[in-house]
Amino acid sequence: MEKSIRIETPVTDEEIRKLKAGDNVLITGVIYTARDAAHKRLIELIDRGEKLPIDPKGQIIYYVGPAPAKPGYAVGPAGPTTSYRMDPYTPPLLELGLKGMIGKGLRSKEVISAMKEHGAVYFAAVGGAAALIFVVCDSKGIVSRDRTDLNESKQELADISNKQGLSGDISCALKDGDIFIGVSGPGTVTKDMIKTMAKDAIIFALANPVPEIYPDEAKQAGAKVVGTGRSDFPNQINNVLAFPGIFRGALEVRASDINEEMKLAASYAIASLITPEELSPEYCIPGAFDKRVAAHVACEVAKAAMKSQVAKIKIDAEELKKSMMKQ
């Protein structure tokens, strides 16, 4: 394995200049975390000439939003968010001495130019802890490297999942788990299995028309949030929430690709339609007939396509959203 370079915050100009594309870097010291809302507030303070809560000089910001921690843990699951969301706010922070950013995805030309001008670096992260610990099951049990019956696709899954080295059936995979996403068949999951999961587990039982476990059974066993593919239960998970808006946004800008940035933008657009006040175990995703969904998704997908430079033409994405909302 390539030897890692160690740096400690606050970092110096000399340390930054020594780094090259492709270097593995281990960072110690204080690392600040902030996403777009926090960045927006920082820029508002700068515009008003007020003192910032932190001194950006020599510091590194990790674009992450950790989930609530379990009892006894310092932090909940945490992974990098898509960096382009911070692009409008980054150049002023670089001007004040910010030296590093950790995230994923492409950066805008304006951010790249500002990084060059002020001697900063973008540390690209490939995923969060969840990418290392998720477990995949098929009809024969946990997909693991020690199985000899895996096709090529499942071998690839085995390489990137189940880092704990688990084996056995689905009940072994669910033990102490926080989330179950099922796309299998009816009755695959039992109440006893749910009882072995972590407290307030999230269950997306998406087999249709009969889910892996019915919502009432899952909740009786201790699940906090349950979604299915059916319209007669709360939290219907339906691809109609995604594909009309994704395709409309992509077609409007003549996108040459539907990339990860666009998919993530669609996800955030869907999630943004439920306010913190509205969010509840019975309402964690908009309904399939919510007319706002396609318009918001199309708008954000178009923006992401333009940001990630796969759009062949530029449009006013907000006007697209307004137009769709009137239809």
C-alpha atoms as a PDB file:
ATOM      1  CA  MET A   1       0.000   0.000   0.000  1.00  0.00           C
ATOM      2  CA  GLU A   2       1.239   3.498  -0.822  1.00  0.00           C
ATOM      3  CA  LYS A   3       2.681   5.306   2.201  1.00  0.00           C
ATOM      4  CA  SER A   4       0.412   8.025   3.543  1.00  0.00           C
ATOM      5  CA  ILE A   5       1.451  11.614   4.107  1.00  0.00           C
ATOM      6  CA  ARG A   6       0.594  12.930   7.568  1.00  0.00           C
ATOM      7  CA  ILE A   7      -0.405  16.537   8.161  1.00  0.00           C
ATOM      8  CA  GLU A   8      -1.808  18.294  11.201  1.00  0.00           C
ATOM      9  CA  THR A   9      -4.106  21.295  11.262  1.00  0.00           C
ATOM     10  CA  PRO A  10      -3.612  24.178  11.016  1.00  0.00           C
ATOM     11  CA  VAL A  11      -1.620  23.392   7.871  1.00  0.00           C
ATOM     12  CA  THR A  12       0.986  25.642   6.309  1.00  0.00           C
ATOM     13  CA  ASP A  13       1.463  26.820   2.739  1.00  0.00           C
ATOM     14  CA  GLU A  14       4.610  24.698   2.530  1.00  0.00           C
ATOM     15  CA  GLU A  15       2.740  21.521   3.519  1.00  0.00           C
ATOM     16  CA  ILE A  16       0.037  22.189   0.951  1.00  0.00           C
ATOM     17  CA  ARG A  17       2.558  22.841  -1.844  1.00  0.00           C
ATOM     18  CA  LYS A  18       4.186  19.449  -1.236  1.00  0.00           C
ATOM     19  CA  LEU A  19       0.961  17.531  -1.895  1.00  0.00           C
ATOM     20  CA  LYS A  20       0.324  15.967  -5.312  1.00  0.00           C
ATOM     21  CA  ALA A  21      -2.795  14.574  -6.961  1.00  0.00           C
ATOM     22  CA  GLY A  22      -3.246  10.960  -5.902  1.00  0.00           C
ATOM     23  CA  ASP A  23      -1.451  11.269  -2.551  1.00  0.00           C
ATOM     24  CA  ASN A  24      -2.942   9.395   0.401  1.00  0.00           C
ATOM     25  CA  VAL A  25      -3.174  11.899   3.243  1.00  0.00           C
ATOM     26  CA  LEU A  26      -3.877  11.284   6.935  1.00  0.00           C
ATOM     27  CA  ILE A  27      -5.096  14.429   8.677  1.00  0.00           C
ATOM     28  CA  THR A  28      -4.983  14.993  12.429  1.00  0.00           C
ATOM     29  CA  GLY A  29      -5.864  17.963  14.599  1.00  0.00           C
ATOM     30  CA  VAL A  30      -9.076  19.966  14.521  1.00  0.00           C
ATOM     31  CA  ILE A  31     -11.203  19.415  11.402  1.00  0.00           C
ATOM     32  CA  TYR A  32     -14.299  21.578  11.080  1.00  0.00           C
ATOM     33  CA  THR A  33     -17.503  20.145   9.629  1.00  0.00           C
ATOM     34  CA  ALA A  34     -20.020  22.190   7.674  1.00  0.00           C
ATOM     35  CA  ARG A  35     -22.443  21.817   4.808  1.00  0.00           C
ATOM     36  CA  ASP A  36     -24.228  24.377   2.643  1.00  0.00           C
ATOM     37  CA  ALA A  37     -26.444  25.929   5.333  1.00  0.00           C
ATOM     38  CA  ALA A  38     -23.463  26.581   7.619  1.00  0.00           C
ATOM     39  CA  HIS A  39     -21.415  27.901   4.694  1.00  0.00           C
ATOM     40  CA  LYS A  40     -24.198  30.293   3.783  1.00  0.00           C
ATOM     41  CA  ARG A  41     -24.215  31.695   7.320  1.00  0.00           C
ATOM     42  CA  LEU A  42     -20.438  32.146   7.249  1.00  0.00           C
ATOM     43  CA  ILE A  43     -20.646  34.122   4.004  1.00  0.00           C
ATOM     44  CA  GLU A  44     -23.462  36.259   5.407  1.00  0.00           C
ATOM     45  CA  LEU A  45     -21.194  37.144   8.343  1.00  0.00           C
ATOM     46  CA  ILE A  46     -18.354  37.993   5.959  1.00  0.00           C
ATOM     47  CA  ASP A  47     -20.643  40.198   3.853  1.00  0.00           C
ATOM     48  CA  ARG A  48     -21.750  42.069   6.976  1.00  0.00           C
ATOM     49  CA  GLY A  49     -18.155  42.510   8.116  1.00  0.00           C
ATOM     50  CA  GLU A  50     -18.771  40.512  11.308  1.00  0.00           C
ATOM     51  CA  LYS A  51     -16.335  38.187  13.061  1.00  0.00           C
ATOM     52  CA  LEU A  52     -16.522  34.507  12.122  1.00  0.00           C
ATOM     53  CA  PRO A  53     -16.972  31.841  14.831  1.00  0.00           C
ATOM     54  CA  ILE A  54     -13.755  30.204  13.551  1.00  0.00           C
ATOM     55  CA  ASP A  55     -10.557  31.484  11.970  1.00  0.00           C
ATOM     56  CA  PRO A  56     -10.327  29.709   8.577  1.00  0.00           C
ATOM     57  CA  LYS A  57      -6.594  30.347   8.222  1.00  0.00           C
ATOM     58  CA  GLY A  58      -4.764  27.048   7.775  1.00  0.00           C
ATOM     59  CA  GLN A  59      -7.890  25.016   8.523  1.00  0.00           C
ATOM     60  CA  ILE A  60      -9.701  22.161   6.782  1.00  0.00           C
ATOM     61  CA  ILE A  61     -13.475  21.773   6.430  1.00  0.00           C
ATOM     62  CA  TYR A  62     -15.096  18.366   6.017  1.00  0.00           C
ATOM     63  CA  TYR A  63     -18.369  18.497   4.087  1.00  0.00           C
ATOM     64  CA  VAL A  64     -20.316  16.113   6.303  1.00  0.00           C
ATOM     65  CA  GLY A  65     -23.447  15.910   8.391  1.00  0.00           C
ATOM     66  CA  PRO A  66     -23.162  13.164  11.026  1.00  0.00           C
ATOM     67  CA  ALA A  67     -26.278  11.360  12.159  1.00  0.00           C
ATOM     68  CA  PRO A  68     -27.207  11.288  15.874  1.00  0.00           C
ATOM     69  CA  ALA A  69     -24.883   9.113  17.928  1.00  0.00           C
ATOM     70  CA  LYS A  70     -25.972   5.948  19.672  1.00  0.00           C
ATOM     71  CA  PRO A  71     -25.523   5.887  23.465  1.00  0.00           C
ATOM     72  CA  GLY A  72     -21.843   5.410  24.241  1.00  0.00           C
ATOM     73  CA  TYR A  73     -20.678   6.576  20.805  1.00  0.00           C
ATOM     74  CA  ALA A  74     -18.991   9.903  20.118  1.00  0.00           C
ATOM     75  CA  VAL A  75     -20.663  10.372  16.749  1.00  0.00           C
ATOM     76  CA  GLY A  76     -23.218   8.712  14.524  1.00  0.00           C
ATOM     77  CA  PRO A  77     -22.678   7.525  10.935  1.00  0.00           C
ATOM     78  CA  ALA A  78     -20.848  10.203   8.962  1.00  0.00           C
ATOM     79  CA  GLY A  79     -19.879  10.440   5.325  1.00  0.00           C
ATOM     80  CA  PRO A  80     -18.936  13.116   2.797  1.00  0.00           C
ATOM     81  CA  THR A  81     -21.607  15.061   1.006  1.00  0.00           C
ATOM     82  CA  THR A  82     -21.477  16.296  -2.585  1.00  0.00           C
ATOM     83  CA  SER A  83     -19.082  19.227  -2.703  1.00  0.00           C
ATOM     84  CA  TYR A  84     -20.706  21.318  -5.434  1.00  0.00           C
ATOM     85  CA  ARG A  85     -23.332  22.427  -2.914  1.00  0.00           C
ATOM     86  CA  MET A  86     -20.598  24.446  -1.191  1.00  0.00           C
ATOM     87  CA  ASP A  87     -19.151  25.924  -4.401  1.00  0.00           C
ATOM     88  CA  PRO A  88     -20.986  29.293  -4.239  1.00  0.00           C
ATOM     89  CA  TYR A  89     -19.601  29.938  -0.745  1.00  0.00           C
ATOM     90  CA  THR A  90     -16.054  28.566  -1.005  1.00  0.00           C
ATOM     91  CA  PRO A  91     -13.954  31.304  -2.738  1.00  0.00           C
ATOM     92  CA  PRO A  92     -14.393  33.896   0.066  1.00  0.00           C
ATOM     93  CA  LEU A  93     -13.274  31.321   2.648  1.00  0.00           C
ATOM     94  CA  LEU A  94     -10.236  30.442   0.561  1.00  0.00           C
ATOM     95  CA  GLU A  95      -9.404  34.125   0.404  1.00  0.00           C
ATOM     96  CA  LEU A  96      -9.420  34.165   4.221  1.00  0.00           C
ATOM     97  CA  GLY A  97      -6.888  31.336   4.369  1.00  0.00           C
ATOM     98  CA  LEU A  98      -8.890  28.100   4.283  1.00  0.00           C
ATOM     99  CA  LYS A  99      -6.392  25.480   3.118  1.00  0.00           C
ATOM    100  CA  GLY A 100      -8.344  22.286   2.656  1.00  0.00           C
ATOM    101  CA  MET A 101     -11.756  20.812   1.958  1.00  0.00           C
ATOM    102  CA  ILE A 102     -12.849  17.174   2.221  1.00  0.00           C
ATOM    103  CA  GLY A 103     -15.777  16.008   0.124  1.00  0.00           C
ATOM    104  CA  LYS A 104     -16.765  14.123  -2.985  1.00  0.00           C
ATOM    105  CA  GLY A 105     -17.598  15.060  -6.539  1.00  0.00           C
ATOM    106  CA  LEU A 106     -16.430  17.741  -8.935  1.00  0.00           C
ATOM    107  CA  ARG A 107     -15.747  21.392  -8.038  1.00  0.00           C
ATOM    108  CA  SER A 108     -16.695  24.438 -10.109  1.00  0.00           C
ATOM    109  CA  LYS A 109     -14.224  26.353 -12.248  1.00  0.00           C
ATOM    110  CA  GLU A 110     -14.522  29.279  -9.821  1.00  0.00           C
ATOM    111  CA  VAL A 111     -13.517  27.122  -6.860  1.00  0.00           C
ATOM    112  CA  ILE A 112     -10.619  25.535  -8.765  1.00  0.00           C
ATOM    113  CA  SER A 113      -9.371  28.976  -9.772  1.00  0.00           C
ATOM    114  CA  ALA A 114      -9.610  30.220  -6.177  1.00  0.00           C
ATOM    115  CA  MET A 115      -7.755  27.149  -4.905  1.00  0.00           C
ATOM    116  CA  LYS A 116      -4.909  27.846  -7.302  1.00  0.00           C
ATOM    117  CA  GLU A 117      -4.817  31.527  -6.405  1.00  0.00           C
ATOM    118  CA  HIS A 118      -4.762  31.000  -2.642  1.00  0.00           C
ATOM    119  CA  GLY A 119      -2.835  27.728  -2.437  1.00  0.00           C
ATOM    120  CA  ALA A 120      -5.505  25.347  -1.164  1.00  0.00           C
ATOM    121  CA  VAL A 121      -6.271  21.672  -1.801  1.00  0.00           C
ATOM    122  CA  TYR A 122      -9.396  19.550  -2.234  1.00  0.00           C
ATOM    123  CA  PHE A 123      -9.210  16.158  -0.533  1.00  0.00           C
ATOM    124  CA  ALA A 124     -11.539  13.773  -2.365  1.00  0.00           C
ATOM    125  CA  ALA A 125     -13.306  11.155  -0.240  1.00  0.00           C
ATOM    126  CA  VAL A 126     -14.831   8.098  -1.871  1.00  0.00           C
ATOM    127  CA  GLY A 127     -17.519   7.313   0.694  1.00  0.00           C
ATOM    128  CA  GLY A 128     -18.530   7.137   4.310  1.00  0.00           C
ATOM    129  CA  ALA A 129     -18.394   4.434   6.942  1.00  0.00           C
ATOM    130  CA  ALA A 130     -21.689   2.966   5.726  1.00  0.00           C
ATOM    131  CA  ALA A 131     -20.012   1.980   2.448  1.00  0.00           C
ATOM    132  CA  LEU A 132     -17.652  -0.240   4.443  1.00  0.00           C
ATOM    133  CA  ILE A 133     -20.101  -1.958   6.789  1.00  0.00           C
ATOM    134  CA  PHE A 134     -23.233  -2.620   4.733  1.00  0.00           C
ATOM    135  CA  VAL A 135     -24.132  -6.243   4.154  1.00  0.00           C
ATOM    136  CA  VAL A 136     -25.827  -7.673   1.051  1.00  0.00           C
ATOM    137  CA  CYS A 137     -27.949 -10.826   1.040  1.00  0.00           C
ATOM    138  CA  ASP A 138     -29.315 -12.953  -1.766  1.00  0.00           C
ATOM    139  CA  SER A 139     -31.622 -15.975  -1.626  1.00  0.00           C
ATOM    140  CA  LYS A 140     -28.795 -18.114  -0.222  1.00  0.00           C
ATOM    141  CA  GLY A 141     -27.690 -15.755   2.524  1.00  0.00           C
ATOM    142  CA  ILE A 142     -24.991 -13.137   3.082  1.00  0.00           C
ATOM    143  CA  VAL A 143     -22.899 -12.278   0.035  1.00  0.00           C
ATOM    144  CA  SER A 144     -19.338 -12.860   1.223  1.00  0.00           C
ATOM    145  CA  ARG A 145     -15.936 -13.505  -0.287  1.00  0.00           C
ATOM    146  CA  ASP A 146     -15.819 -17.078   0.994  1.00  0.00           C
ATOM    147  CA  ARG A 147     -18.786 -18.117  -1.155  1.00  0.00           C
ATOM    148  CA  THR A 148     -17.942 -20.014  -4.336  1.00  0.00           C
ATOM    149  CA  ASP A 149     -21.336 -19.682  -6.034  1.00  0.00           C
ATOM    150  CA  LEU A 150     -21.291 -15.936  -6.768  1.00  0.00           C
ATOM    151  CA  ASN A 151     -21.648 -14.526 -10.270  1.00  0.00           C
ATOM    152  CA  GLU A 152     -19.477 -11.609 -11.397  1.00  0.00           C
ATOM    153  CA  SER A 153     -21.840  -8.906 -10.144  1.00  0.00           C
ATOM    154  CA  LYS A 154     -22.146 -10.491  -6.704  1.00  0.00           C
ATOM    155  CA  GLN A 155     -18.367 -10.928  -6.523  1.00  0.00           C
ATOM    156  CA  GLU A 156     -18.050  -7.180  -7.014  1.00  0.00           C
ATOM    157  CA  LEU A 157     -20.549  -6.615  -4.193  1.00  0.00           C
ATOM    158  CA  ALA A 158     -18.607  -8.987  -1.965  1.00  0.00           C
ATOM    159  CA  ASP A 159     -15.448  -6.949  -2.580  1.00  0.00           C
ATOM    160  CA  ILE A 160     -16.967  -3.661  -1.412  1.00  0.00           C
ATOM    161  CA  SER A 161     -19.318  -4.813   1.357  1.00  0.00           C
ATOM    162  CA  ASN A 162     -19.414  -6.915   4.513  1.00  0.00           C
ATOM    163  CA  LYS A 163     -16.085  -5.732   5.880  1.00  0.00           C
ATOM    164  CA  GLN A 164     -16.964  -7.488   9.143  1.00  0.00           C
ATOM    165  CA  GLY A 165     -16.690 -10.814   7.338  1.00  0.00           C
ATOM    166  CA  LEU A 166     -20.175 -12.016   8.315  1.00  0.00           C
ATOM    167  CA  SER A 167     -21.661 -15.228   6.977  1.00  0.00           C
ATOM    168  CA  GLY A 168     -25.009 -16.942   7.388  1.00  0.00           C
ATOM    169  CA  ASP A 169     -28.585 -16.116   6.478  1.00  0.00           C
ATOM    170  CA  ILE A 170     -30.478 -12.818   6.534  1.00  0.00           C
ATOM    171  CA  SER A 171     -31.074 -13.059  10.281  1.00  0.00           C
ATOM    172  CA  CYS A 172     -27.308 -12.863  10.814  1.00  0.00           C
ATOM    173  CA  ALA A 173     -27.103  -9.804   8.563  1.00  0.00           C
ATOM    174  CA  LEU A 174     -29.878  -7.967  10.395  1.00  0.00           C
ATOM    175  CA  LYS A 175     -28.501  -8.475  13.924  1.00  0.00           C
ATOM    176  CA  ASP A 176     -27.605  -5.045  15.419  1.00  0.00           C
ATOM    177  CA  GLY A 177     -28.351  -3.391  12.071  1.00  0.00           C
ATOM    178  CA  ASP A 178     -29.803   0.114  11.821  1.00  0.00           C
ATOM    179  CA  ILE A 179     -31.451  -0.082   8.385  1.00  0.00           C
ATOM    180  CA  PHE A 180     -32.950  -2.809   6.227  1.00  0.00           C
ATOM    181  CA  ILE A 181     -33.605  -2.202   2.526  1.00  0.00           C
ATOM    182  CA  GLY A 182     -35.470  -5.098   1.006  1.00  0.00           C
ATOM    183  CA  VAL A 183     -36.022  -5.713  -2.694  1.00  0.00           C
ATOM    184  CA  SER A 184     -36.598  -9.437  -2.456  1.00  0.00           C
ATOM    185  CA  GLY A 185     -39.829 -11.305  -1.798  1.00  0.00           C
ATOM    186  CA  PRO A 186     -42.797 -11.670   0.544  1.00  0.00           C
ATOM    187  CA  GLY A 187     -42.282 -12.638   4.168  1.00  0.00           C
ATOM    188  CA  THR A 188     -38.493 -12.665   4.001  1.00  0.00           C
ATOM    189  CA  VAL A 189     -38.136 -10.828   7.338  1.00  0.00           C
ATOM    190  CA  THR A 190     -39.775 -11.858  10.605  1.00  0.00           C
ATOM    191  CA  LYS A 191     -40.636  -9.972  13.782  1.00  0.00           C
ATOM    192  CA  ASP A 192     -37.960 -11.942  15.638  1.00  0.00           C
ATOM    193  CA  MET A 193     -35.344 -10.667  13.188  1.00  0.00           C
ATOM    194  CA  ILE A 194     -36.455  -7.062  13.695  1.00  0.00           C
ATOM    195  CA  LYS A 195     -36.159  -7.518  17.460  1.00  0.00           C
ATOM    196  CA  THR A 196     -32.436  -8.262  17.062  1.00  0.00           C
ATOM    197  CA  MET A 197     -31.793  -5.012  15.199  1.00  0.00           C
ATOM    198  CA  ALA A 198     -30.655  -1.752  16.787  1.00  0.00           C
ATOM    199  CA  LYS A 199     -33.193   0.366  18.652  1.00  0.00           C
ATOM    200  CA  ASP A 200     -35.554   2.397  16.425  1.00  0.00           C
ATOM    201  CA  ALA A 201     -34.484   0.585  13.257  1.00  0.00           C
ATOM    202  CA  ILE A 202     -35.545   1.801   9.818  1.00  0.00           C
ATOM    203  CA  ILE A 203     -37.224  -0.771   7.568  1.00  0.00           C
ATOM    204  CA  PHE A 204     -37.802  -0.308   3.844  1.00  0.00           C
ATOM    205  CA  ALA A 205     -39.620  -3.490   2.844  1.00  0.00           C
ATOM    206  CA  LEU A 206     -40.115  -2.872  -0.869  1.00  0.00           C
ATOM    207  CA  ALA A 207     -41.221  -6.219  -2.282  1.00  0.00           C
ATOM    208  CA  ASN A 208     -44.562  -5.863  -4.090  1.00  0.00           C
ATOM    209  CA  PRO A 209     -47.410  -6.557  -3.650  1.00  0.00           C
ATOM    210  CA  VAL A 210     -46.494  -8.382  -0.412  1.00  0.00           C
ATOM    211  CA  PRO A 211     -43.574  -6.783   1.450  1.00  0.00           C
ATOM    212  CA  GLU A 212     -40.803  -8.614   3.277  1.00  0.00           C
ATOM    213  CA  ILE A 213     -42.619  -7.701   6.480  1.00  0.00           C
ATOM    214  CA  TYR A 214     -45.812  -5.702   7.001  1.00  0.00           C
ATOM    215  CA  PRO A 215     -45.486  -2.300   8.718  1.00  0.00           C
ATOM    216  CA  ASP A 216     -47.590  -3.212  11.740  1.00  0.00           C
ATOM    217  CA  GLU A 217     -45.496  -6.306  12.394  1.00  0.00           C
ATOM    218  CA  ALA A 218     -42.219  -4.403  11.987  1.00  0.00           C
ATOM    219  CA  LYS A 219     -43.357  -1.690  14.401  1.00  0.00           C
ATOM    220  CA  GLN A 220     -44.582  -4.201  16.948  1.00  0.00           C
ATOM    221  CA  ALA A 221     -41.081  -5.674  16.867  1.00  0.00           C
ATOM    222  CA  GLY A 222     -39.456  -2.299  17.547  1.00  0.00           C
ATOM    223  CA  ALA A 223     -38.926  -0.597  14.169  1.00  0.00           C
ATOM    224  CA  LYS A 224     -39.280   3.200  14.237  1.00  0.00           C
ATOM    225  CA  VAL A 225     -39.773   4.003  10.547  1.00  0.00           C
ATOM    226  CA  VAL A 226     -41.247   1.632   7.979  1.00  0.00           C
ATOM    227  CA  GLY A 227     -41.658   2.195   4.243  1.00  0.00           C
ATOM    228  CA  THR A 228     -43.056  -0.132   1.578  1.00  0.00           C
ATOM    229  CA  GLY A 229     -43.752  -0.035  -2.125  1.00  0.00           C
ATOM    230  CA  ARG A 230     -47.504   0.080  -1.529  1.00  0.00           C
ATOM    231  CA  SER A 231     -49.773   3.110  -1.646  1.00  0.00           C
ATOM    232  CA  ASP A 232     -52.037   1.881   1.160  1.00  0.00           C
ATOM    233  CA  PHE A 233     -49.302   2.238   3.804  1.00  0.00           C
ATOM    234  CA  PRO A 234     -47.369   5.331   4.924  1.00  0.00           C
ATOM    235  CA  ASN A 235     -44.000   6.128   3.321  1.00  0.00           C
ATOM    236  CA  GLN A 236     -44.533   4.631  -0.112  1.00  0.00           C
ATOM    237  CA  ILE A 237     -41.156   4.214  -1.839  1.00  0.00           C
ATOM    238  CA  ASN A 238     -41.973   4.580  -5.532  1.00  0.00           C
ATOM    239  CA  ASN A 239     -39.623   5.301  -8.433  1.00  0.00           C
ATOM    240  CA  VAL A 240     -42.186   7.745  -9.808  1.00  0.00           C
ATOM    241  CA  LEU A 241     -40.726  10.193  -7.277  1.00  0.00           C
ATOM    242  CA  ALA A 242     -37.444  10.157  -9.183  1.00  0.00           C
ATOM    243  CA  PHE A 243     -37.586   9.297 -12.854  1.00  0.00           C
ATOM    244  CA  PRO A 244     -39.938  11.937 -14.348  1.00  0.00           C
ATOM    245  CA  GLY A 245     -37.975  14.779 -12.761  1.00  0.00           C
ATOM    246  CA  ILE A 246     -34.580  13.259 -13.473  1.00  0.00           C
ATOM    247  CA  PHE A 247     -35.352  12.779 -17.148  1.00  0.00           C
ATOM    248  CA  ARG A 248     -36.992  16.209 -17.483  1.00  0.00           C
ATOM    249  CA  GLY A 249     -34.009  17.949 -15.900  1.00  0.00           C
ATOM    250  CA  ALA A 250     -31.517  15.980 -17.985  1.00  0.00           C
ATOM    251  CA  LEU A 251     -33.398  16.572 -21.238  1.00  0.00           C
ATOM    252  CA  GLU A 252     -33.882  20.294 -20.608  1.00  0.00           C
ATOM    253  CA  VAL A 253     -30.095  20.843 -20.472  1.00  0.00           C
ATOM    254  CA  ARG A 254     -29.304  18.188 -23.108  1.00  0.00           C
ATOM    255  CA  ALA A 255     -27.183  16.306 -20.562  1.00  0.00           C
ATOM    256  CA  SER A 256     -24.668  13.849 -22.014  1.00  0.00           C
ATOM    257  CA  ASP A 257     -24.847  11.668 -18.932  1.00  0.00           C
ATOM    258  CA  ILE A 258     -26.916  11.051 -15.801  1.00  0.00           C
ATOM    259  CA  ASN A 259     -24.123  11.087 -13.238  1.00  0.00           C
ATOM    260  CA  GLU A 260     -23.892  10.613  -9.492  1.00  0.00           C
ATOM    261  CA  GLU A 261     -24.149  14.353  -8.863  1.00  0.00           C
ATOM    262  CA  MET A 262     -27.500  14.446 -10.660  1.00  0.00           C
ATOM    263  CA  LYS A 263     -28.815  11.407  -8.784  1.00  0.00           C
ATOM    264  CA  LEU A 264     -27.789  12.904  -5.449  1.00  0.00           C
ATOM    265  CA  ALA A 265     -29.386  16.202  -6.415  1.00  0.00           C
ATOM    266  CA  ALA A 266     -32.632  14.348  -7.095  1.00  0.00           C
ATOM    267  CA  SER A 267     -32.426  12.672  -3.694  1.00  0.00           C
ATOM    268  CA  TYR A 268     -31.868  15.961  -1.880  1.00  0.00           C
ATOM    269  CA  ALA A 269     -34.706  17.565  -3.840  1.00  0.00           C
ATOM    270  CA  ILE A 270     -37.136  14.846  -2.772  1.00  0.00           C
ATOM    271  CA  ALA A 271     -35.992  15.015   0.852  1.00  0.00           C
ATOM    272  CA  SER A 272     -36.199  18.817   0.949  1.00  0.00           C
ATOM    273  CA  LEU A 273     -39.962  18.769   0.371  1.00  0.00           C
ATOM    274  CA  ILE A 274     -40.585  17.553   3.903  1.00  0.00           C
ATOM    275  CA  THR A 275     -39.867  20.217   6.501  1.00  0.00           C
ATOM    276  CA  PRO A 276     -38.423  19.367   9.943  1.00  0.00           C
ATOM    277  CA  GLU A 277     -41.826  20.228  11.402  1.00  0.00           C
ATOM    278  CA  GLU A 278     -43.575  17.770   9.068  1.00  0.00           C
ATOM    279  CA  LEU A 279     -41.063  14.945   9.396  1.00  0.00           C
ATOM    280  CA  SER A 280     -42.364  11.969  11.352  1.00  0.00           C
ATOM    281  CA  PRO A 281     -42.093   8.169  11.355  1.00  0.00           C
ATOM    282  CA  GLU A 282     -45.253   8.076   9.201  1.00  0.00           C
ATOM    283  CA  TYR A 283     -44.104  10.811   6.824  1.00  0.00           C
ATOM    284  CA  CYS A 284     -40.455  10.614   5.795  1.00  0.00           C
ATOM    285  CA  ILE A 285     -40.901  10.821   2.015  1.00  0.00           C
ATOM    286  CA  PRO A 286     -43.327  12.792  -0.199  1.00  0.00           C
ATOM    287  CA  GLY A 287     -46.304  11.022  -1.692  1.00  0.00           C
ATOM    288  CA  ALA A 288     -46.284   9.699  -5.246  1.00  0.00           C
ATOM    289  CA  PHE A 289     -48.963  12.230  -6.260  1.00  0.00           C
ATOM    290  CA  ASP A 290     -47.286  15.280  -4.715  1.00  0.00           C
ATOM    291  CA  LYS A 291     -47.117  17.635  -7.729  1.00  0.00           C
ATOM    292  CA  ARG A 292     -44.112  19.459  -6.287  1.00  0.00           C
ATOM    293  CA  VAL A 293     -41.807  16.468  -6.612  1.00  0.00           C
ATOM    294  CA  ALA A 294     -41.180  16.302 -10.365  1.00  0.00           C
ATOM    295  CA  ALA A 295     -40.691  20.070 -10.596  1.00  0.00           C
ATOM    296  CA  HIS A 296     -38.207  20.250  -7.744  1.00  0.00           C
ATOM    297  CA  VAL A 297     -36.312  17.181  -8.930  1.00  0.00           C
ATOM    298  CA  ALA A 298     -36.079  18.488 -12.498  1.00  0.00           C
ATOM    299  CA  CYS A 299     -34.809  21.841 -11.243  1.00  0.00           C
ATOM    300  CA  GLU A 300     -32.079  20.397  -9.028  1.00  0.00           C
ATOM    301  CA  VAL A 301     -31.038  17.757 -11.576  1.00  0.00           C
ATOM    302  CA  ALA A 302     -30.652  20.436 -14.238  1.00  0.00           C
ATOM    303  CA  LYS A 303     -28.532  22.522 -11.843  1.00  0.00           C
ATOM    304  CA  ALA A 304     -26.358  19.510 -11.005  1.00  0.00           C
ATOM    305  CA  ALA A 305     -25.873  18.688 -14.687  1.00  0.00           C
ATOM    306  CA  MET A 306     -24.719  22.235 -15.371  1.00  0.00           C
ATOM    307  CA  LYS A 307     -22.469  22.260 -12.290  1.00  0.00           C
ATOM    308  CA  SER A 308     -20.879  18.928 -13.165  1.00  0.00           C
ATOM    309  CA  GLN A 309     -20.328  20.042 -16.777  1.00  0.00           C
ATOM    310  CA  VAL A 310     -22.390  17.374 -18.533  1.00  0.00           C
ATOM    311  CA  ALA A 311     -25.015  19.875 -19.739  1.00  0.00           C
ATOM    312  CA  LYS A 312     -24.762  20.982 -23.359  1.00  0.00           C
ATOM    313  CA  ILE A 313     -26.896  24.068 -22.825  1.00  0.00           C
ATOM    314  CA  LYS A 314     -27.585  26.415 -19.902  1.00  0.00           C
ATOM    315  CA  ILE A 315     -31.093  27.116 -18.641  1.00  0.00           C
ATOM    316  CA  ASP A 316     -32.743  28.928 -15.771  1.00  0.00           C
ATOM    317  CA  ALA A 317     -33.567  25.910 -13.601  1.00  0.00           C
ATOM    318  CA  GLU A 318     -35.724  27.917 -11.214  1.00  0.00           C
ATOM    319  CA  GLU A 319     -37.888  29.075 -14.103  1.00  0.00           C
ATOM    320  CA  LEU A 320     -38.227  25.459 -15.206  1.00  0.00           C
ATOM    321  CA  LYS A 321     -39.516  24.587 -11.742  1.00  0.00           C
ATOM    322  CA  LYS A 322     -42.021  27.455 -11.770  1.00  0.00           C
ATOM    323  CA  SER A 323     -43.258  26.435 -15.199  1.00  0.00           C
ATOM    324  CA  MET A 324     -43.743  22.812 -14.166  1.00  0.00           C
ATOM    325  CA  MET A 325     -45.584  23.803 -10.996  1.00  0.00           C
ATOM    326  CA  LYS A 326     -48.151  25.677 -13.104  1.00  0.00           C
ATOM    327  CA  GLN A 327     -48.934  22.656 -15.270  1.00  0.00           C
END
